[in-house]
Structures are given as C-alpha cells and as structure tokens.
Amino acid sequence: MIEDKKIVQMYTQKLLTTWKVDCEAASDGREGIESILNEDYDIILLDLVMPDMDGFETIRIIREELKCNVPVVAITGTIAKDIEERIKDSGMNGVLFKPFGPGHLKKVVQLFCAA
C-alpha cells in the first residue's frame, strides 16, 4: 500500500492482517517505488493524493519505467466527475473510494488476488 495518511495505513493493515494477508506500507510514491524494486507484490493499493509524488506520477513510473504489471488499485476520496476515467487511462486496474469499509476492501483484494 502506498498511502501518506497513517490512519488509513493502520486501518487497512489491521483489516488485511485479520484476513491473513501480508501488507507493507509506504508513505509516499518514492518510497513505494523503492519497495516495488525490492519486493514482489500481488496487488498495490495506491493513494492518488500525496505530497511530493501523487498516485498518477507513481503509476506512470510503475507501468512505464519499471514495466511492472501487478494490479494497482487507486485509493481516493476524490469525487471528481472524471476520476474513474483518469484512473483507468493511467493504467490502474480499479478504484477503492474513501472512506471504505471492510467489505469493500475485501472485495477488491479477492478480485485481484485470487487465492
């Protein structure tokens, strides 16, 4: 998960570990890119609005420079009219709108991480 807000990191990690899903958190795009270079992931949850490097720049690097095809799901509280289209056009595979409940997160994980 690449998310700058600690409360969202803690909430998401608690849910995922309850479901026996390993989870690491990066606090910004640069830290997330570094993690992707060093680890293999089944899914990346990517916040769109972060300081320094936003989610759209981060996904550009993931797809174009790293050539990484792991599923990436946007996490956003943005309700802009064109946000879902921008997410799809950027190369992300889905979106999880904040605030999200356990059911929404579980559905996304199950969709992209078939056991």
N, C-alpha and C. Protein backbone atom coordinates (compact mmCIF):
# COMPACT_ATOMS: atom_id res chain seq x y z
N MET A 1 0.84 -1.17 0.00
CA MET A 1 0.00 0.00 0.00
C MET A 1 0.89 1.23 0.00
N ILE A 2 0.56 2.17 -0.86
CA ILE A 2 1.27 3.45 -0.90
C ILE A 2 0.24 4.51 -0.50
N GLU A 3 0.38 5.01 0.71
CA GLU A 3 -0.61 5.90 1.33
C GLU A 3 0.10 6.79 2.33
N ASP A 4 -0.12 8.10 2.24
CA ASP A 4 0.57 9.02 3.14
C ASP A 4 -0.10 9.19 4.50
N LYS A 5 -1.36 8.87 4.61
CA LYS A 5 -2.06 9.05 5.89
C LYS A 5 -1.91 7.81 6.77
N LYS A 6 -1.28 8.01 7.91
CA LYS A 6 -1.01 6.89 8.84
C LYS A 6 -2.28 6.19 9.29
N ILE A 7 -3.36 6.93 9.51
CA ILE A 7 -4.59 6.32 9.98
C ILE A 7 -5.16 5.36 8.94
N VAL A 8 -5.05 5.72 7.66
CA VAL A 8 -5.52 4.83 6.59
C VAL A 8 -4.60 3.61 6.50
N GLN A 9 -3.30 3.83 6.66
CA GLN A 9 -2.36 2.70 6.67
C GLN A 9 -2.71 1.71 7.78
N MET A 10 -2.90 2.23 8.98
CA MET A 10 -3.17 1.38 10.14
C MET A 10 -4.49 0.63 9.97
N TYR A 11 -5.53 1.31 9.53
CA TYR A 11 -6.84 0.71 9.32
C TYR A 11 -6.75 -0.42 8.29
N THR A 12 -6.12 -0.12 7.16
CA THR A 12 -6.02 -1.10 6.08
C THR A 12 -5.17 -2.29 6.50
N GLN A 13 -4.04 -2.02 7.14
CA GLN A 13 -3.18 -3.12 7.59
C GLN A 13 -3.88 -4.00 8.61
N LYS A 14 -4.64 -3.40 9.50
CA LYS A 14 -5.36 -4.19 10.51
C LYS A 14 -6.36 -5.13 9.84
N LEU A 15 -7.11 -4.61 8.89
CA LEU A 15 -8.07 -5.46 8.17
C LEU A 15 -7.35 -6.58 7.42
N LEU A 16 -6.32 -6.23 6.68
CA LEU A 16 -5.62 -7.23 5.87
C LEU A 16 -4.97 -8.31 6.73
N THR A 17 -4.36 -7.93 7.83
CA THR A 17 -3.72 -8.94 8.67
C THR A 17 -4.77 -9.83 9.35
N THR A 18 -5.93 -9.28 9.64
CA THR A 18 -7.03 -10.08 10.17
C THR A 18 -7.41 -11.19 9.18
N TRP A 19 -7.30 -10.88 7.90
CA TRP A 19 -7.64 -11.85 6.85
C TRP A 19 -6.42 -12.67 6.41
N LYS A 20 -5.33 -12.57 7.17
CA LYS A 20 -4.10 -13.32 6.89
C LYS A 20 -3.45 -12.90 5.56
N VAL A 21 -3.58 -11.62 5.22
CA VAL A 21 -2.96 -11.06 4.03
C VAL A 21 -1.78 -10.22 4.48
N ASP A 22 -0.59 -10.54 3.98
CA ASP A 22 0.60 -9.75 4.30
C ASP A 22 0.48 -8.38 3.65
N CYS A 23 0.92 -7.37 4.38
CA CYS A 23 0.80 -6.00 3.87
C CYS A 23 1.97 -5.16 4.35
N GLU A 24 2.53 -4.41 3.43
CA GLU A 24 3.55 -3.42 3.76
C GLU A 24 3.02 -2.06 3.36
N ALA A 25 3.47 -1.03 4.07
CA ALA A 25 3.01 0.32 3.77
C ALA A 25 4.20 1.22 3.42
N ALA A 26 4.00 2.02 2.40
CA ALA A 26 4.94 3.07 2.03
C ALA A 26 4.19 4.39 2.18
N SER A 27 4.90 5.41 2.65
CA SER A 27 4.25 6.68 2.95
C SER A 27 4.19 7.67 1.80
N ASP A 28 4.87 7.36 0.71
CA ASP A 28 4.80 8.24 -0.46
C ASP A 28 5.21 7.47 -1.71
N GLY A 29 5.05 8.08 -2.85
CA GLY A 29 5.33 7.42 -4.11
C GLY A 29 6.77 6.96 -4.25
N ARG A 30 7.70 7.78 -3.84
CA ARG A 30 9.11 7.40 -3.97
C ARG A 30 9.44 6.18 -3.11
N GLU A 31 8.93 6.15 -1.89
CA GLU A 31 9.14 5.00 -1.01
C GLU A 31 8.46 3.76 -1.59
N GLY A 32 7.29 3.95 -2.17
CA GLY A 32 6.58 2.85 -2.80
C GLY A 32 7.34 2.27 -3.99
N ILE A 33 7.89 3.14 -4.82
CA ILE A 33 8.69 2.70 -5.97
C ILE A 33 9.89 1.89 -5.49
N GLU A 34 10.55 2.36 -4.45
CA GLU A 34 11.70 1.65 -3.89
C GLU A 34 11.28 0.25 -3.40
N SER A 35 10.13 0.16 -2.76
CA SER A 35 9.63 -1.14 -2.29
C SER A 35 9.35 -2.08 -3.46
N ILE A 36 8.77 -1.56 -4.52
CA ILE A 36 8.45 -2.37 -5.70
C ILE A 36 9.72 -2.90 -6.35
N LEU A 37 10.78 -2.11 -6.29
CA LEU A 37 12.07 -2.56 -6.85
C LEU A 37 12.65 -3.73 -6.06
N ASN A 38 12.30 -3.83 -4.79
CA ASN A 38 12.91 -4.83 -3.90
C ASN A 38 12.01 -6.00 -3.53
N GLU A 39 10.74 -5.93 -3.84
CA GLU A 39 9.78 -6.97 -3.43
C GLU A 39 8.81 -7.27 -4.58
N ASP A 40 8.25 -8.46 -4.55
CA ASP A 40 7.17 -8.81 -5.47
C ASP A 40 5.85 -8.71 -4.72
N TYR A 41 4.88 -8.06 -5.32
CA TYR A 41 3.58 -7.87 -4.69
C TYR A 41 2.48 -8.44 -5.57
N ASP A 42 1.39 -8.88 -4.93
CA ASP A 42 0.23 -9.40 -5.66
C ASP A 42 -0.72 -8.28 -6.06
N ILE A 43 -0.71 -7.19 -5.29
CA ILE A 43 -1.58 -6.04 -5.53
C ILE A 43 -0.94 -4.82 -4.87
N ILE A 44 -1.18 -3.66 -5.46
CA ILE A 44 -0.72 -2.40 -4.87
C ILE A 44 -1.95 -1.51 -4.70
N LEU A 45 -2.16 -1.05 -3.49
CA LEU A 45 -3.19 -0.05 -3.21
C LEU A 45 -2.48 1.30 -3.22
N LEU A 46 -2.92 2.21 -4.06
CA LEU A 46 -2.19 3.45 -4.32
C LEU A 46 -3.06 4.67 -4.11
N ASP A 47 -2.71 5.47 -3.11
CA ASP A 47 -3.41 6.73 -2.86
C ASP A 47 -3.12 7.67 -4.01
N LEU A 48 -4.12 8.41 -4.45
CA LEU A 48 -3.93 9.34 -5.55
C LEU A 48 -3.37 10.68 -5.12
N VAL A 49 -3.73 11.14 -3.93
CA VAL A 49 -3.33 12.47 -3.48
C VAL A 49 -2.31 12.34 -2.36
N MET A 50 -1.04 12.58 -2.73
CA MET A 50 0.06 12.53 -1.77
C MET A 50 1.00 13.69 -2.07
N PRO A 51 1.70 14.16 -1.06
CA PRO A 51 2.68 15.22 -1.31
C PRO A 51 3.86 14.66 -2.09
N ASP A 52 4.57 15.51 -2.76
CA ASP A 52 5.79 15.19 -3.50
C ASP A 52 5.49 14.46 -4.80
N MET A 53 4.99 13.21 -4.75
CA MET A 53 4.68 12.45 -5.96
C MET A 53 3.29 11.86 -5.81
N ASP A 54 2.36 12.30 -6.63
CA ASP A 54 0.99 11.80 -6.50
C ASP A 54 0.84 10.42 -7.12
N GLY A 55 -0.33 9.85 -6.98
CA GLY A 55 -0.58 8.50 -7.47
C GLY A 55 -0.46 8.37 -8.98
N PHE A 56 -0.81 9.43 -9.71
CA PHE A 56 -0.73 9.36 -11.17
C PHE A 56 0.72 9.33 -11.64
N GLU A 57 1.58 10.08 -11.01
CA GLU A 57 3.01 10.02 -11.36
C GLU A 57 3.60 8.68 -10.92
N THR A 58 3.17 8.19 -9.77
CA THR A 58 3.67 6.91 -9.27
C THR A 58 3.28 5.77 -10.22
N ILE A 59 2.02 5.73 -10.67
CA ILE A 59 1.60 4.66 -11.59
C ILE A 59 2.31 4.79 -12.93
N ARG A 60 2.59 5.99 -13.37
CA ARG A 60 3.34 6.17 -14.62
C ARG A 60 4.69 5.49 -14.51
N ILE A 61 5.39 5.70 -13.40
CA ILE A 61 6.70 5.09 -13.19
C ILE A 61 6.56 3.56 -13.08
N ILE A 62 5.55 3.11 -12.34
CA ILE A 62 5.34 1.67 -12.17
C ILE A 62 5.15 0.99 -13.53
N ARG A 63 4.31 1.57 -14.36
CA ARG A 63 3.98 0.94 -15.65
C ARG A 63 5.05 1.19 -16.72
N GLU A 64 5.51 2.43 -16.87
CA GLU A 64 6.40 2.77 -17.98
C GLU A 64 7.87 2.50 -17.69
N GLU A 65 8.33 2.86 -16.52
CA GLU A 65 9.76 2.71 -16.22
C GLU A 65 10.09 1.36 -15.61
N LEU A 66 9.27 0.90 -14.67
CA LEU A 66 9.53 -0.39 -14.03
C LEU A 66 8.97 -1.56 -14.84
N LYS A 67 8.06 -1.25 -15.77
CA LYS A 67 7.41 -2.30 -16.58
C LYS A 67 6.74 -3.34 -15.69
N CYS A 68 6.15 -2.88 -14.61
CA CYS A 68 5.51 -3.74 -13.62
C CYS A 68 4.02 -3.83 -13.92
N ASN A 69 3.51 -5.05 -14.05
CA ASN A 69 2.11 -5.25 -14.41
C ASN A 69 1.23 -5.73 -13.26
N VAL A 70 1.75 -5.66 -12.03
CA VAL A 70 0.96 -6.06 -10.88
C VAL A 70 -0.32 -5.20 -10.83
N PRO A 71 -1.45 -5.77 -10.42
CA PRO A 71 -2.67 -4.96 -10.31
C PRO A 71 -2.48 -3.80 -9.34
N VAL A 72 -2.91 -2.62 -9.77
CA VAL A 72 -2.83 -1.43 -8.93
C VAL A 72 -4.24 -0.87 -8.79
N VAL A 73 -4.66 -0.68 -7.55
CA VAL A 73 -5.99 -0.15 -7.25
C VAL A 73 -5.81 1.22 -6.59
N ALA A 74 -6.43 2.22 -7.18
CA ALA A 74 -6.39 3.57 -6.62
C ALA A 74 -7.20 3.62 -5.34
N ILE A 75 -6.69 4.38 -4.37
CA ILE A 75 -7.43 4.72 -3.16
C ILE A 75 -7.64 6.22 -3.21
N THR A 76 -8.88 6.66 -3.15
CA THR A 76 -9.12 8.09 -3.26
C THR A 76 -10.41 8.52 -2.57
N GLY A 77 -10.39 9.73 -2.10
CA GLY A 77 -11.59 10.36 -1.57
C GLY A 77 -12.14 11.36 -2.58
N THR A 78 -11.46 11.47 -3.72
CA THR A 78 -11.84 12.41 -4.76
C THR A 78 -13.11 11.95 -5.45
N ILE A 79 -14.04 12.87 -5.61
CA ILE A 79 -15.29 12.52 -6.28
C ILE A 79 -15.45 13.32 -7.57
N ALA A 80 -14.33 13.74 -8.14
CA ALA A 80 -14.38 14.49 -9.39
C ALA A 80 -15.09 13.66 -10.46
N LYS A 81 -15.78 14.34 -11.33
CA LYS A 81 -16.60 13.69 -12.34
C LYS A 81 -15.82 12.70 -13.20
N ASP A 82 -14.59 13.04 -13.55
CA ASP A 82 -13.82 12.22 -14.48
C ASP A 82 -12.78 11.32 -13.79
N ILE A 83 -12.85 11.17 -12.48
CA ILE A 83 -11.78 10.47 -11.75
C ILE A 83 -11.66 9.01 -12.17
N GLU A 84 -12.78 8.31 -12.34
CA GLU A 84 -12.69 6.90 -12.72
C GLU A 84 -12.08 6.74 -14.11
N GLU A 85 -12.39 7.64 -15.01
CA GLU A 85 -11.81 7.59 -16.35
C GLU A 85 -10.30 7.87 -16.29
N ARG A 86 -9.90 8.85 -15.50
CA ARG A 86 -8.47 9.16 -15.34
C ARG A 86 -7.72 7.97 -14.74
N ILE A 87 -8.33 7.30 -13.77
CA ILE A 87 -7.72 6.14 -13.14
C ILE A 87 -7.51 5.04 -14.16
N LYS A 88 -8.54 4.73 -14.92
CA LYS A 88 -8.45 3.69 -15.95
C LYS A 88 -7.40 4.06 -17.00
N ASP A 89 -7.44 5.30 -17.48
CA ASP A 89 -6.50 5.75 -18.51
C ASP A 89 -5.04 5.72 -18.04
N SER A 90 -4.84 5.83 -16.73
CA SER A 90 -3.48 5.86 -16.18
C SER A 90 -2.83 4.48 -16.10
N GLY A 91 -3.64 3.44 -16.26
CA GLY A 91 -3.10 2.08 -16.17
C GLY A 91 -3.42 1.38 -14.86
N MET A 92 -4.23 2.01 -14.03
CA MET A 92 -4.66 1.35 -12.80
C MET A 92 -5.81 0.40 -13.11
N ASN A 93 -5.97 -0.58 -12.26
CA ASN A 93 -6.94 -1.64 -12.53
C ASN A 93 -8.29 -1.46 -11.84
N GLY A 94 -8.38 -0.56 -10.89
CA GLY A 94 -9.63 -0.35 -10.17
C GLY A 94 -9.50 0.80 -9.21
N VAL A 95 -10.57 1.01 -8.45
CA VAL A 95 -10.59 2.12 -7.50
C VAL A 95 -11.32 1.70 -6.23
N LEU A 96 -10.83 2.20 -5.12
CA LEU A 96 -11.44 2.00 -3.81
C LEU A 96 -11.65 3.40 -3.24
N PHE A 97 -12.92 3.77 -3.09
CA PHE A 97 -13.23 5.13 -2.63
C PHE A 97 -13.21 5.21 -1.11
N LYS A 98 -12.56 6.27 -0.59
CA LYS A 98 -12.54 6.56 0.84
C LYS A 98 -13.82 7.30 1.20
N PRO A 99 -14.36 7.09 2.35
CA PRO A 99 -13.96 6.07 3.31
C PRO A 99 -14.50 4.71 2.86
N PHE A 100 -13.68 3.69 2.99
CA PHE A 100 -14.11 2.36 2.58
C PHE A 100 -14.26 1.47 3.81
N GLY A 101 -15.19 0.57 3.72
CA GLY A 101 -15.43 -0.38 4.80
C GLY A 101 -14.71 -1.69 4.53
N PRO A 102 -14.72 -2.58 5.50
CA PRO A 102 -14.07 -3.87 5.35
C PRO A 102 -14.55 -4.65 4.13
N GLY A 103 -15.85 -4.62 3.87
CA GLY A 103 -16.40 -5.36 2.73
C GLY A 103 -15.85 -4.89 1.40
N HIS A 104 -15.72 -3.57 1.26
CA HIS A 104 -15.19 -3.02 0.01
C HIS A 104 -13.73 -3.44 -0.19
N LEU A 105 -12.94 -3.34 0.86
CA LEU A 105 -11.53 -3.72 0.76
C LEU A 105 -11.40 -5.21 0.45
N LYS A 106 -12.16 -6.02 1.15
CA LYS A 106 -12.08 -7.47 0.94
C LYS A 106 -12.45 -7.84 -0.50
N LYS A 107 -13.47 -7.19 -1.03
CA LYS A 107 -13.90 -7.44 -2.40
C LYS A 107 -12.78 -7.12 -3.40
N VAL A 108 -12.10 -6.01 -3.20
CA VAL A 108 -11.00 -5.62 -4.08
C VAL A 108 -9.85 -6.62 -3.99
N VAL A 109 -9.49 -7.00 -2.78
CA VAL A 109 -8.40 -7.96 -2.60
C VAL A 109 -8.76 -9.30 -3.24
N GLN A 110 -9.97 -9.76 -3.04
CA GLN A 110 -10.39 -11.03 -3.63
C GLN A 110 -10.44 -10.95 -5.16
N LEU A 111 -10.85 -9.83 -5.70
CA LEU A 111 -10.94 -9.66 -7.14
C LEU A 111 -9.57 -9.76 -7.82
N PHE A 112 -8.57 -9.13 -7.19
CA PHE A 112 -7.26 -9.05 -7.83
C PHE A 112 -6.25 -10.07 -7.30
N CYS A 113 -6.56 -10.72 -6.21
CA CYS A 113 -5.64 -11.68 -5.60
C CYS A 113 -6.32 -13.02 -5.40
N ALA A 114 -6.79 -13.61 -6.45
CA ALA A 114 -7.47 -14.91 -6.34
C ALA A 114 -6.52 -15.93 -5.71
N ALA A 115 -6.99 -16.55 -4.64
CA ALA A 115 -6.14 -17.49 -3.91
C ALA A 115 -6.14 -18.85 -4.57
